[in-house]
């Protein structure tokens, strides 16, 4: 049951990244979420509000007819209310790998922290 709930949550996560449905975005990412990465030697730290603004202000991959490619690589349940998930997906022309720290909040899984990395090109 818990694994099924996490898989259902990840389907919503993938949908948000492809369609940029902002109502769904607000259901997937907790308002205190922070995103972290290192790309090209640069530290990237994006608080929720900044990331939300970026997503809202760009064309979605779905609008550009970018093919979808999504994989769940790891589901690690820490407790009935906490999990770590590792996914790989195509986002525009990039292959991204995300580590998502999830917590159950008011009956819903939400992302509280995200580490992401561009692992390659999709073209």
N, C-alpha and C. Protein backbone atom coordinates (compact mmCIF):
# COMPACT_ATOMS: atom_id res chain seq x y z
N UNK A 1 0.83 -1.19 0.00
CA UNK A 1 0.00 0.00 0.00
C UNK A 1 0.88 1.26 0.00
N UNK A 2 1.87 1.33 0.89
CA UNK A 2 2.73 2.50 0.97
C UNK A 2 3.50 2.69 -0.34
N UNK A 3 4.02 1.61 -0.90
CA UNK A 3 4.76 1.70 -2.17
C UNK A 3 3.83 2.16 -3.29
N UNK A 4 2.59 1.68 -3.29
CA UNK A 4 1.62 2.13 -4.29
C UNK A 4 1.34 3.62 -4.15
N UNK A 5 1.24 4.10 -2.92
CA UNK A 5 1.02 5.54 -2.68
C UNK A 5 2.20 6.36 -3.19
N UNK A 6 3.41 5.87 -2.95
CA UNK A 6 4.59 6.57 -3.43
C UNK A 6 4.65 6.58 -4.96
N UNK A 7 4.30 5.48 -5.57
CA UNK A 7 4.28 5.42 -7.04
C UNK A 7 3.23 6.39 -7.61
N UNK A 8 2.09 6.47 -6.96
CA UNK A 8 1.04 7.41 -7.40
C UNK A 8 1.53 8.85 -7.26
N UNK A 9 2.23 9.12 -6.16
CA UNK A 9 2.80 10.45 -5.96
C UNK A 9 3.80 10.77 -7.08
N UNK A 10 4.66 9.81 -7.40
CA UNK A 10 5.66 10.05 -8.44
C UNK A 10 5.03 10.27 -9.81
N UNK A 11 3.91 9.64 -10.07
CA UNK A 11 3.19 9.91 -11.32
C UNK A 11 2.78 11.39 -11.37
N UNK A 12 2.33 11.92 -10.24
CA UNK A 12 1.99 13.35 -10.18
C UNK A 12 3.24 14.22 -10.35
N UNK A 13 4.34 13.82 -9.73
CA UNK A 13 5.59 14.56 -9.86
C UNK A 13 6.03 14.63 -11.32
N UNK A 14 6.03 13.49 -12.00
CA UNK A 14 6.40 13.47 -13.41
C UNK A 14 5.45 14.35 -14.24
N UNK A 15 4.18 14.29 -13.92
CA UNK A 15 3.19 15.10 -14.64
C UNK A 15 3.46 16.60 -14.46
N UNK A 16 3.79 17.00 -13.24
CA UNK A 16 4.11 18.41 -12.97
C UNK A 16 5.29 18.86 -13.82
N UNK A 17 6.34 18.07 -13.88
CA UNK A 17 7.53 18.48 -14.62
C UNK A 17 7.27 18.55 -16.12
N UNK A 18 6.35 17.75 -16.63
CA UNK A 18 6.08 17.74 -18.06
C UNK A 18 5.05 18.79 -18.47
N UNK A 19 4.04 19.03 -17.63
CA UNK A 19 2.93 19.93 -18.01
C UNK A 19 3.01 21.28 -17.32
N UNK A 20 3.74 21.34 -16.21
CA UNK A 20 3.85 22.56 -15.41
C UNK A 20 2.49 23.05 -14.91
N UNK A 21 1.63 22.11 -14.57
CA UNK A 21 0.34 22.41 -13.94
C UNK A 21 0.64 22.97 -12.55
N UNK A 22 0.42 24.26 -12.36
CA UNK A 22 0.85 24.91 -11.12
C UNK A 22 -0.01 24.53 -9.92
N UNK A 23 -1.26 24.18 -10.13
CA UNK A 23 -2.09 23.69 -9.02
C UNK A 23 -1.53 22.36 -8.52
N UNK A 24 -1.14 21.50 -9.45
CA UNK A 24 -0.54 20.23 -9.07
C UNK A 24 0.85 20.46 -8.47
N UNK A 25 1.60 21.41 -9.00
CA UNK A 25 2.90 21.78 -8.46
C UNK A 25 2.79 22.07 -6.96
N UNK A 26 1.77 22.84 -6.59
CA UNK A 26 1.59 23.21 -5.18
C UNK A 26 1.16 22.03 -4.31
N UNK A 27 0.67 20.97 -4.93
CA UNK A 27 0.32 19.75 -4.18
C UNK A 27 1.52 18.81 -4.04
N UNK A 28 2.49 18.95 -4.93
CA UNK A 28 3.66 18.06 -4.95
C UNK A 28 4.82 18.61 -4.12
N UNK A 29 5.07 19.92 -4.25
CA UNK A 29 6.19 20.56 -3.55
C UNK A 29 5.67 21.29 -2.31
N UNK A 30 6.23 20.97 -1.15
CA UNK A 30 5.88 21.71 0.06
C UNK A 30 6.43 23.12 -0.06
N UNK A 31 5.74 24.09 0.48
CA UNK A 31 6.12 25.50 0.35
C UNK A 31 7.48 25.81 0.99
N UNK A 32 7.98 24.95 1.84
CA UNK A 32 9.30 25.14 2.45
C UNK A 32 10.39 24.32 1.76
N UNK A 33 10.05 23.69 0.66
CA UNK A 33 11.01 22.86 -0.08
C UNK A 33 12.16 23.72 -0.62
N UNK A 34 13.34 23.10 -0.65
CA UNK A 34 14.51 23.73 -1.26
C UNK A 34 15.13 22.71 -2.22
N UNK A 35 15.60 23.20 -3.37
CA UNK A 35 16.23 22.36 -4.38
C UNK A 35 17.72 22.67 -4.42
N UNK A 36 18.52 21.62 -4.58
CA UNK A 36 19.97 21.75 -4.56
C UNK A 36 20.58 21.01 -5.73
N UNK A 37 21.68 21.58 -6.27
CA UNK A 37 22.42 20.89 -7.31
C UNK A 37 23.82 21.50 -7.42
N UNK A 38 24.64 20.83 -8.17
CA UNK A 38 25.92 21.39 -8.63
C UNK A 38 25.98 21.09 -10.11
N UNK A 39 26.05 22.13 -10.91
CA UNK A 39 26.10 22.00 -12.36
C UNK A 39 27.26 22.84 -12.86
N UNK A 40 28.11 22.25 -13.66
CA UNK A 40 29.24 22.98 -14.25
C UNK A 40 30.07 23.68 -13.19
N UNK A 41 30.26 23.02 -12.04
CA UNK A 41 31.08 23.57 -10.97
C UNK A 41 30.40 24.63 -10.13
N UNK A 42 29.14 24.88 -10.38
CA UNK A 42 28.41 25.92 -9.66
C UNK A 42 27.37 25.31 -8.72
N UNK A 43 27.35 25.81 -7.50
CA UNK A 43 26.33 25.41 -6.54
C UNK A 43 25.02 26.08 -6.90
N UNK A 44 23.95 25.30 -6.93
CA UNK A 44 22.61 25.81 -7.22
C UNK A 44 21.75 25.54 -6.00
N UNK A 45 21.16 26.60 -5.46
CA UNK A 45 20.21 26.49 -4.35
C UNK A 45 18.97 27.28 -4.75
N UNK A 46 17.82 26.58 -4.82
CA UNK A 46 16.58 27.24 -5.23
C UNK A 46 15.50 27.00 -4.20
N UNK A 47 15.13 28.02 -3.47
CA UNK A 47 13.98 27.89 -2.57
C UNK A 47 12.70 27.71 -3.40
N UNK A 48 11.68 27.20 -2.76
CA UNK A 48 10.40 26.90 -3.40
C UNK A 48 9.91 28.07 -4.26
N UNK A 49 9.84 29.27 -3.70
CA UNK A 49 9.26 30.41 -4.43
C UNK A 49 10.03 30.69 -5.72
N UNK A 50 11.34 30.63 -5.68
CA UNK A 50 12.15 30.87 -6.88
C UNK A 50 11.92 29.77 -7.91
N UNK A 51 11.92 28.53 -7.47
CA UNK A 51 11.69 27.41 -8.39
C UNK A 51 10.30 27.50 -9.01
N UNK A 52 9.30 27.82 -8.20
CA UNK A 52 7.93 27.94 -8.69
C UNK A 52 7.85 29.01 -9.77
N UNK A 53 8.49 30.13 -9.54
CA UNK A 53 8.50 31.23 -10.51
C UNK A 53 9.17 30.80 -11.81
N UNK A 54 10.27 30.06 -11.71
CA UNK A 54 10.97 29.57 -12.90
C UNK A 54 10.07 28.64 -13.72
N UNK A 55 9.45 27.69 -13.04
CA UNK A 55 8.60 26.71 -13.72
C UNK A 55 7.41 27.41 -14.37
N UNK A 56 6.80 28.31 -13.65
CA UNK A 56 5.63 29.01 -14.17
C UNK A 56 5.97 29.88 -15.38
N UNK A 57 7.21 30.38 -15.43
CA UNK A 57 7.59 31.31 -16.48
C UNK A 57 8.16 30.69 -17.74
N UNK A 58 8.24 29.37 -17.82
CA UNK A 58 8.82 28.76 -19.01
C UNK A 58 7.78 27.89 -19.73
N UNK A 59 8.04 27.62 -20.99
CA UNK A 59 7.19 26.70 -21.73
C UNK A 59 7.39 25.30 -21.17
N UNK A 60 6.35 24.52 -21.15
CA UNK A 60 6.46 23.16 -20.62
C UNK A 60 7.04 22.22 -21.67
N UNK A 61 7.69 21.14 -21.22
CA UNK A 61 8.15 20.13 -22.18
C UNK A 61 7.00 19.58 -23.02
N UNK A 62 5.82 19.42 -22.42
CA UNK A 62 4.67 18.89 -23.15
C UNK A 62 4.26 19.83 -24.29
N UNK A 63 4.36 21.14 -24.08
CA UNK A 63 3.98 22.09 -25.13
C UNK A 63 4.94 22.04 -26.31
N UNK A 64 6.16 21.60 -26.07
CA UNK A 64 7.15 21.46 -27.14
C UNK A 64 7.19 20.06 -27.72
N UNK A 65 6.24 19.23 -27.33
CA UNK A 65 6.16 17.85 -27.80
C UNK A 65 7.43 17.05 -27.49
N UNK A 66 8.09 17.36 -26.39
CA UNK A 66 9.27 16.58 -25.97
C UNK A 66 8.81 15.21 -25.50
N UNK A 67 9.46 14.16 -25.96
CA UNK A 67 9.09 12.82 -25.51
C UNK A 67 9.32 12.66 -24.01
N UNK A 68 8.51 11.83 -23.39
CA UNK A 68 8.67 11.53 -21.97
C UNK A 68 9.48 10.25 -21.81
N UNK A 69 10.30 10.25 -20.78
CA UNK A 69 11.05 9.06 -20.40
C UNK A 69 11.30 9.16 -18.91
N UNK A 70 10.63 8.34 -18.13
CA UNK A 70 10.67 8.46 -16.67
C UNK A 70 10.90 7.08 -16.05
N UNK A 71 11.79 7.04 -15.08
CA UNK A 71 12.10 5.79 -14.40
C UNK A 71 12.20 6.03 -12.90
N UNK A 72 11.65 5.12 -12.15
CA UNK A 72 11.84 5.12 -10.70
C UNK A 72 13.02 4.19 -10.44
N UNK A 73 14.09 4.72 -9.88
CA UNK A 73 15.30 3.94 -9.65
C UNK A 73 15.38 3.38 -8.23
N UNK A 74 14.76 4.09 -7.28
CA UNK A 74 14.86 3.69 -5.87
C UNK A 74 13.68 4.23 -5.08
N UNK A 75 13.10 3.39 -4.28
CA UNK A 75 12.10 3.79 -3.28
C UNK A 75 12.61 3.30 -1.94
N UNK A 76 13.00 4.20 -1.06
CA UNK A 76 13.55 3.85 0.24
C UNK A 76 12.63 4.42 1.31
N UNK A 77 11.88 3.57 1.97
CA UNK A 77 10.93 4.00 2.99
C UNK A 77 11.65 4.07 4.33
N UNK A 78 11.76 5.26 4.87
CA UNK A 78 12.42 5.45 6.17
C UNK A 78 11.48 5.18 7.32
N UNK A 79 10.21 5.53 7.13
CA UNK A 79 9.17 5.32 8.14
C UNK A 79 7.83 5.41 7.41
N UNK A 80 6.73 5.17 8.09
CA UNK A 80 5.43 5.32 7.42
C UNK A 80 5.15 6.74 6.92
N UNK A 81 5.95 7.72 7.35
CA UNK A 81 5.70 9.11 6.95
C UNK A 81 6.89 9.77 6.26
N UNK A 82 7.96 9.00 5.99
CA UNK A 82 9.15 9.57 5.35
C UNK A 82 9.72 8.59 4.33
N UNK A 83 10.18 9.14 3.19
CA UNK A 83 10.77 8.28 2.16
C UNK A 83 11.78 9.08 1.36
N UNK A 84 12.71 8.35 0.77
CA UNK A 84 13.69 8.90 -0.16
C UNK A 84 13.47 8.20 -1.49
N UNK A 85 13.38 8.99 -2.55
CA UNK A 85 13.10 8.44 -3.87
C UNK A 85 14.16 8.94 -4.84
N UNK A 86 14.59 8.06 -5.73
CA UNK A 86 15.55 8.43 -6.78
C UNK A 86 14.88 8.13 -8.11
N UNK A 87 14.83 9.16 -8.98
CA UNK A 87 14.20 9.00 -10.29
C UNK A 87 15.13 9.54 -11.37
N UNK A 88 14.91 9.07 -12.58
CA UNK A 88 15.61 9.60 -13.75
C UNK A 88 14.53 9.93 -14.78
N UNK A 89 14.69 11.08 -15.43
CA UNK A 89 13.69 11.49 -16.40
C UNK A 89 14.29 12.39 -17.46
N UNK A 90 13.59 12.44 -18.57
CA UNK A 90 13.93 13.39 -19.62
C UNK A 90 13.19 14.69 -19.31
N UNK A 91 13.92 15.80 -19.34
CA UNK A 91 13.33 17.12 -19.17
C UNK A 91 13.90 17.99 -20.29
N UNK A 92 13.06 18.35 -21.24
CA UNK A 92 13.49 19.02 -22.45
C UNK A 92 14.53 18.11 -23.14
N UNK A 93 15.74 18.60 -23.37
CA UNK A 93 16.76 17.79 -24.05
C UNK A 93 17.78 17.20 -23.09
N UNK A 94 17.45 17.17 -21.82
CA UNK A 94 18.39 16.69 -20.80
C UNK A 94 17.85 15.45 -20.10
N UNK A 95 18.76 14.62 -19.65
CA UNK A 95 18.42 13.51 -18.76
C UNK A 95 18.79 13.97 -17.35
N UNK A 96 17.81 13.98 -16.48
CA UNK A 96 17.99 14.46 -15.12
C UNK A 96 17.85 13.30 -14.14
N UNK A 97 18.60 13.37 -13.06
CA UNK A 97 18.43 12.43 -11.96
C UNK A 97 18.10 13.24 -10.72
N UNK A 98 17.03 12.85 -10.06
CA UNK A 98 16.54 13.57 -8.89
C UNK A 98 16.50 12.65 -7.69
N UNK A 99 16.93 13.16 -6.56
CA UNK A 99 16.74 12.50 -5.27
C UNK A 99 15.75 13.36 -4.51
N UNK A 100 14.63 12.78 -4.15
CA UNK A 100 13.54 13.52 -3.52
C UNK A 100 13.34 13.05 -2.09
N UNK A 101 13.36 13.98 -1.16
CA UNK A 101 13.04 13.69 0.23
C UNK A 101 11.57 13.98 0.44
N UNK A 102 10.82 12.94 0.76
CA UNK A 102 9.37 13.05 0.88
C UNK A 102 8.93 12.86 2.32
N UNK A 103 7.86 13.57 2.65
CA UNK A 103 7.20 13.35 3.94
C UNK A 103 5.70 13.39 3.72
N UNK A 104 5.01 12.61 4.52
CA UNK A 104 3.56 12.60 4.50
C UNK A 104 3.09 13.79 5.32
N UNK A 105 2.33 14.68 4.70
CA UNK A 105 1.87 15.91 5.36
C UNK A 105 0.38 16.04 5.12
N UNK A 106 -0.38 16.04 6.20
CA UNK A 106 -1.84 16.16 6.12
C UNK A 106 -2.43 15.16 5.13
N UNK A 107 -1.93 13.93 5.21
CA UNK A 107 -2.46 12.85 4.39
C UNK A 107 -1.92 12.78 2.97
N UNK A 108 -0.97 13.65 2.60
CA UNK A 108 -0.41 13.68 1.25
C UNK A 108 1.11 13.62 1.29
N UNK A 109 1.70 12.88 0.37
CA UNK A 109 3.14 12.91 0.22
C UNK A 109 3.51 14.23 -0.45
N UNK A 110 4.61 14.83 0.02
CA UNK A 110 5.10 16.09 -0.55
C UNK A 110 6.62 16.07 -0.54
N UNK A 111 7.20 16.83 -1.46
CA UNK A 111 8.66 16.96 -1.53
C UNK A 111 9.10 18.07 -0.59
N UNK A 112 10.04 17.74 0.28
CA UNK A 112 10.59 18.72 1.22
C UNK A 112 11.99 19.16 0.83
N UNK A 113 12.70 18.32 0.07
CA UNK A 113 14.01 18.68 -0.46
C UNK A 113 14.24 17.88 -1.73
N UNK A 114 14.93 18.53 -2.67
CA UNK A 114 15.22 17.86 -3.94
C UNK A 114 16.68 18.14 -4.31
N UNK A 115 17.43 17.07 -4.58
CA UNK A 115 18.76 17.17 -5.16
C UNK A 115 18.62 16.71 -6.60
N UNK A 116 19.11 17.51 -7.53
CA UNK A 116 18.97 17.16 -8.94
C UNK A 116 20.30 17.35 -9.66
N UNK A 117 20.46 16.56 -10.73
CA UNK A 117 21.70 16.62 -11.49
C UNK A 117 21.42 16.27 -12.95
N UNK A 118 21.98 17.02 -13.85
CA UNK A 118 21.87 16.73 -15.29
C UNK A 118 22.92 15.67 -15.60
N UNK A 119 22.48 14.44 -15.85
CA UNK A 119 23.41 13.34 -16.06
C UNK A 119 23.79 13.14 -17.53
N UNK A 120 23.05 13.78 -18.43
CA UNK A 120 23.39 13.64 -19.84
C UNK A 120 22.42 14.35 -20.73
N UNK A 121 22.64 14.16 -22.01
CA UNK A 121 21.80 14.76 -23.04
C UNK A 121 20.86 13.72 -23.60
N UNK A 122 19.65 14.14 -23.94
CA UNK A 122 18.67 13.23 -24.52
C UNK A 122 18.70 13.25 -26.04
N UNK A 123 19.53 14.10 -26.60
CA UNK A 123 19.60 14.19 -28.07
C UNK A 123 20.96 13.77 -28.59
